[in-house]
Amino acid sequence: CCIFSKKNWLQHFMEMEMQKQRLPAAGAPGDRLCLEKCRDKPGPKLDSRTEASLVSCLERFIDTNHFILSRLEQTQKCKPVFSESLLED
């Protein structure tokens, strides 16, 4: 695997944390637009068209989050290896 210096490790760690924070918001604008298109007029019940549209939005949301999580996992595969010598500098 990879061995990073303290500086490189810190930079890598910060990048990964920033990616994790962006994850929940990654699909938000598209999801909101999708939901707004599904539910064009308020009412006490969902008709079959609205229900199908909402299911489609939910499936797209799940697929998007799965894709983003997979990419995040790929970038984390090469995690830094700690060694005592790195901590002593």
N, C-alpha and C. Protein backbone atom coordinates (compact mmCIF):
# COMPACT_ATOMS: atom_id res chain seq x y z
N CYS A 1 0.84 -1.19 0.00
CA CYS A 1 0.00 0.00 0.00
C CYS A 1 0.88 1.25 0.00
N CYS A 2 0.31 2.36 0.34
CA CYS A 2 1.02 3.64 0.24
C CYS A 2 1.59 4.06 1.59
N ILE A 3 2.74 4.70 1.55
CA ILE A 3 3.32 5.31 2.75
C ILE A 3 3.43 6.80 2.47
N PHE A 4 2.80 7.61 3.31
CA PHE A 4 2.79 9.05 3.12
C PHE A 4 3.62 9.73 4.19
N SER A 5 4.17 10.86 3.84
CA SER A 5 4.79 11.70 4.86
C SER A 5 3.67 12.31 5.69
N LYS A 6 4.01 12.93 6.80
CA LYS A 6 2.98 13.56 7.64
C LYS A 6 2.19 14.59 6.86
N LYS A 7 2.89 15.41 6.09
CA LYS A 7 2.22 16.47 5.33
C LYS A 7 1.28 15.87 4.28
N ASN A 8 1.76 14.86 3.55
CA ASN A 8 0.91 14.23 2.54
C ASN A 8 -0.26 13.51 3.17
N TRP A 9 -0.02 12.87 4.31
CA TRP A 9 -1.10 12.17 4.98
C TRP A 9 -2.18 13.15 5.42
N LEU A 10 -1.77 14.27 6.00
CA LEU A 10 -2.73 15.27 6.46
C LEU A 10 -3.54 15.82 5.28
N GLN A 11 -2.88 16.08 4.18
CA GLN A 11 -3.57 16.58 2.99
C GLN A 11 -4.57 15.54 2.49
N HIS A 12 -4.15 14.28 2.43
CA HIS A 12 -5.03 13.20 2.00
C HIS A 12 -6.24 13.08 2.94
N PHE A 13 -5.97 13.13 4.24
CA PHE A 13 -7.03 13.03 5.24
C PHE A 13 -8.05 14.16 5.07
N MET A 14 -7.56 15.37 4.90
CA MET A 14 -8.45 16.53 4.74
C MET A 14 -9.29 16.41 3.48
N GLU A 15 -8.69 15.96 2.39
CA GLU A 15 -9.45 15.77 1.15
C GLU A 15 -10.55 14.75 1.33
N MET A 16 -10.25 13.65 2.01
CA MET A 16 -11.26 12.60 2.22
C MET A 16 -12.39 13.11 3.11
N GLU A 17 -12.06 13.87 4.14
CA GLU A 17 -13.09 14.41 5.02
C GLU A 17 -13.99 15.40 4.27
N MET A 18 -13.40 16.20 3.41
CA MET A 18 -14.19 17.15 2.63
C MET A 18 -15.12 16.41 1.68
N GLN A 19 -14.64 15.33 1.08
CA GLN A 19 -15.49 14.53 0.19
C GLN A 19 -16.65 13.92 0.96
N LYS A 20 -16.39 13.45 2.17
CA LYS A 20 -17.46 12.87 2.98
C LYS A 20 -18.52 13.90 3.32
N GLN A 21 -18.11 15.14 3.59
CA GLN A 21 -19.07 16.19 3.92
C GLN A 21 -19.91 16.58 2.72
N ARG A 22 -19.33 16.51 1.53
CA ARG A 22 -20.08 16.87 0.32
C ARG A 22 -21.03 15.78 -0.11
N LEU A 23 -20.84 14.57 0.34
CA LEU A 23 -21.63 13.44 -0.11
C LEU A 23 -23.14 13.64 0.03
N PRO A 24 -23.66 14.00 1.21
CA PRO A 24 -25.12 14.13 1.31
C PRO A 24 -25.71 15.19 0.39
N ALA A 25 -24.96 16.23 0.09
CA ALA A 25 -25.48 17.31 -0.74
C ALA A 25 -25.25 17.08 -2.22
N ALA A 26 -24.55 16.02 -2.58
CA ALA A 26 -24.16 15.82 -3.97
C ALA A 26 -25.36 15.74 -4.92
N GLY A 27 -26.41 15.07 -4.52
CA GLY A 27 -27.55 14.93 -5.41
C GLY A 27 -28.71 15.85 -5.07
N ALA A 28 -28.58 16.68 -4.07
CA ALA A 28 -29.69 17.48 -3.56
C ALA A 28 -30.38 18.35 -4.60
N PRO A 29 -29.69 19.16 -5.40
CA PRO A 29 -30.41 20.01 -6.35
C PRO A 29 -31.22 19.21 -7.37
N GLY A 30 -30.65 18.14 -7.88
CA GLY A 30 -31.37 17.31 -8.85
C GLY A 30 -32.54 16.59 -8.21
N ASP A 31 -32.36 16.14 -6.98
CA ASP A 31 -33.43 15.44 -6.27
C ASP A 31 -34.61 16.37 -6.03
N ARG A 32 -34.31 17.59 -5.61
CA ARG A 32 -35.37 18.56 -5.34
C ARG A 32 -36.16 18.86 -6.62
N LEU A 33 -35.45 19.06 -7.72
CA LEU A 33 -36.10 19.34 -8.99
C LEU A 33 -36.96 18.16 -9.42
N CYS A 34 -36.44 16.96 -9.25
CA CYS A 34 -37.19 15.77 -9.61
C CYS A 34 -38.49 15.69 -8.81
N LEU A 35 -38.40 15.92 -7.50
CA LEU A 35 -39.59 15.85 -6.65
C LEU A 35 -40.59 16.95 -6.99
N GLU A 36 -40.10 18.14 -7.32
CA GLU A 36 -41.00 19.24 -7.68
C GLU A 36 -41.77 18.91 -8.96
N LYS A 37 -41.12 18.26 -9.90
CA LYS A 37 -41.80 17.90 -11.15
C LYS A 37 -42.85 16.82 -10.92
N CYS A 38 -42.60 15.95 -9.95
CA CYS A 38 -43.55 14.88 -9.66
C CYS A 38 -44.82 15.41 -9.02
N ARG A 39 -44.64 16.30 -8.11
CA ARG A 39 -45.76 16.78 -7.29
C ARG A 39 -46.11 18.21 -7.71
N ASP A 40 -46.78 18.35 -8.84
CA ASP A 40 -47.07 19.69 -9.36
C ASP A 40 -48.23 20.38 -8.66
N LYS A 41 -49.17 19.62 -8.11
CA LYS A 41 -50.28 20.24 -7.38
C LYS A 41 -50.54 19.46 -6.09
N PRO A 42 -50.71 20.18 -4.99
CA PRO A 42 -50.94 19.51 -3.71
C PRO A 42 -52.31 18.85 -3.67
N GLY A 43 -52.38 17.80 -2.91
CA GLY A 43 -53.65 17.11 -2.73
C GLY A 43 -53.54 16.11 -1.60
N PRO A 44 -54.67 15.60 -1.14
CA PRO A 44 -54.64 14.67 0.00
C PRO A 44 -54.11 13.28 -0.36
N LYS A 45 -54.16 12.92 -1.65
CA LYS A 45 -53.73 11.59 -2.09
C LYS A 45 -52.82 11.70 -3.30
N LEU A 46 -51.99 10.68 -3.48
CA LEU A 46 -51.14 10.61 -4.67
C LEU A 46 -51.85 9.81 -5.75
N ASP A 47 -51.86 10.35 -6.97
CA ASP A 47 -52.39 9.54 -8.06
C ASP A 47 -51.28 8.59 -8.54
N SER A 48 -51.62 7.67 -9.41
CA SER A 48 -50.65 6.65 -9.84
C SER A 48 -49.47 7.26 -10.59
N ARG A 49 -49.71 8.31 -11.36
CA ARG A 49 -48.62 8.97 -12.11
C ARG A 49 -47.64 9.62 -11.15
N THR A 50 -48.17 10.32 -10.14
CA THR A 50 -47.31 10.99 -9.16
C THR A 50 -46.53 9.96 -8.35
N GLU A 51 -47.20 8.88 -7.97
CA GLU A 51 -46.52 7.84 -7.21
C GLU A 51 -45.38 7.21 -8.02
N ALA A 52 -45.64 6.92 -9.28
CA ALA A 52 -44.60 6.34 -10.15
C ALA A 52 -43.43 7.31 -10.31
N SER A 53 -43.74 8.58 -10.44
CA SER A 53 -42.70 9.60 -10.58
C SER A 53 -41.84 9.68 -9.31
N LEU A 54 -42.49 9.66 -8.15
CA LEU A 54 -41.76 9.70 -6.88
C LEU A 54 -40.87 8.47 -6.69
N VAL A 55 -41.37 7.31 -7.09
CA VAL A 55 -40.57 6.09 -7.02
C VAL A 55 -39.34 6.21 -7.92
N SER A 56 -39.53 6.77 -9.11
CA SER A 56 -38.41 6.98 -10.03
C SER A 56 -37.37 7.92 -9.42
N CYS A 57 -37.82 9.01 -8.80
CA CYS A 57 -36.90 9.94 -8.14
C CYS A 57 -36.12 9.25 -7.04
N LEU A 58 -36.80 8.46 -6.24
CA LEU A 58 -36.15 7.74 -5.15
C LEU A 58 -35.11 6.76 -5.68
N GLU A 59 -35.46 6.04 -6.74
CA GLU A 59 -34.50 5.10 -7.33
C GLU A 59 -33.28 5.83 -7.87
N ARG A 60 -33.49 6.97 -8.50
CA ARG A 60 -32.37 7.76 -9.02
C ARG A 60 -31.50 8.26 -7.87
N PHE A 61 -32.13 8.69 -6.78
CA PHE A 61 -31.39 9.14 -5.60
C PHE A 61 -30.52 8.01 -5.04
N ILE A 62 -31.09 6.82 -4.92
CA ILE A 62 -30.34 5.67 -4.39
C ILE A 62 -29.19 5.31 -5.32
N ASP A 63 -29.44 5.28 -6.63
CA ASP A 63 -28.38 4.97 -7.60
C ASP A 63 -27.25 5.99 -7.54
N THR A 64 -27.61 7.26 -7.43
CA THR A 64 -26.60 8.33 -7.37
C THR A 64 -25.74 8.18 -6.12
N ASN A 65 -26.38 7.95 -4.98
CA ASN A 65 -25.62 7.79 -3.74
C ASN A 65 -24.75 6.54 -3.78
N HIS A 66 -25.25 5.47 -4.38
CA HIS A 66 -24.44 4.25 -4.50
C HIS A 66 -23.21 4.53 -5.36
N PHE A 67 -23.39 5.24 -6.47
CA PHE A 67 -22.26 5.58 -7.34
C PHE A 67 -21.23 6.43 -6.60
N ILE A 68 -21.70 7.44 -5.88
CA ILE A 68 -20.79 8.34 -5.16
C ILE A 68 -20.04 7.57 -4.07
N LEU A 69 -20.74 6.71 -3.34
CA LEU A 69 -20.07 5.91 -2.31
C LEU A 69 -19.03 4.98 -2.91
N SER A 70 -19.34 4.39 -4.05
CA SER A 70 -18.38 3.51 -4.72
C SER A 70 -17.12 4.28 -5.11
N ARG A 71 -17.30 5.48 -5.65
CA ARG A 71 -16.14 6.30 -6.01
C ARG A 71 -15.32 6.68 -4.79
N LEU A 72 -16.01 7.02 -3.71
CA LEU A 72 -15.31 7.38 -2.48
C LEU A 72 -14.50 6.19 -1.96
N GLU A 73 -15.08 5.00 -2.02
CA GLU A 73 -14.37 3.80 -1.59
C GLU A 73 -13.14 3.56 -2.46
N GLN A 74 -13.25 3.80 -3.76
CA GLN A 74 -12.11 3.61 -4.66
C GLN A 74 -10.97 4.55 -4.29
N THR A 75 -11.29 5.77 -3.93
CA THR A 75 -10.24 6.73 -3.59
C THR A 75 -9.61 6.41 -2.24
N GLN A 76 -10.33 5.67 -1.40
CA GLN A 76 -9.80 5.34 -0.08
C GLN A 76 -9.04 4.01 -0.06
N LYS A 77 -9.00 3.30 -1.17
CA LYS A 77 -8.34 2.00 -1.19
C LYS A 77 -6.87 2.09 -0.82
N CYS A 78 -6.22 3.15 -1.19
CA CYS A 78 -4.81 3.32 -0.88
C CYS A 78 -4.69 4.27 0.31
N LYS A 79 -4.98 3.75 1.47
CA LYS A 79 -4.91 4.57 2.69
C LYS A 79 -3.46 4.69 3.14
N PRO A 80 -3.13 5.76 3.80
CA PRO A 80 -1.77 5.91 4.30
C PRO A 80 -1.45 4.90 5.39
N VAL A 81 -0.22 4.48 5.40
CA VAL A 81 0.25 3.56 6.42
C VAL A 81 0.99 4.37 7.48
N PHE A 82 0.59 4.20 8.72
CA PHE A 82 1.26 4.90 9.82
C PHE A 82 2.53 4.15 10.19
N SER A 83 3.52 4.89 10.52
CA SER A 83 4.72 4.28 11.08
C SER A 83 5.21 5.20 12.19
N GLU A 84 5.90 4.64 13.12
CA GLU A 84 6.42 5.42 14.24
C GLU A 84 7.34 6.53 13.76
N SER A 85 8.09 6.28 12.70
CA SER A 85 9.02 7.30 12.20
C SER A 85 8.28 8.53 11.69
N LEU A 86 7.08 8.35 11.15
CA LEU A 86 6.31 9.50 10.68
C LEU A 86 5.82 10.34 11.85
N LEU A 87 5.49 9.69 12.93
CA LEU A 87 4.96 10.41 14.08
C LEU A 87 6.04 11.14 14.87
N GLU A 88 7.27 10.73 14.72
CA GLU A 88 8.36 11.33 15.50
C GLU A 88 8.90 12.61 14.90
N ASP A 89 8.64 12.90 13.63
CA ASP A 89 9.20 14.10 12.98
C ASP A 89 8.79 15.37 13.63
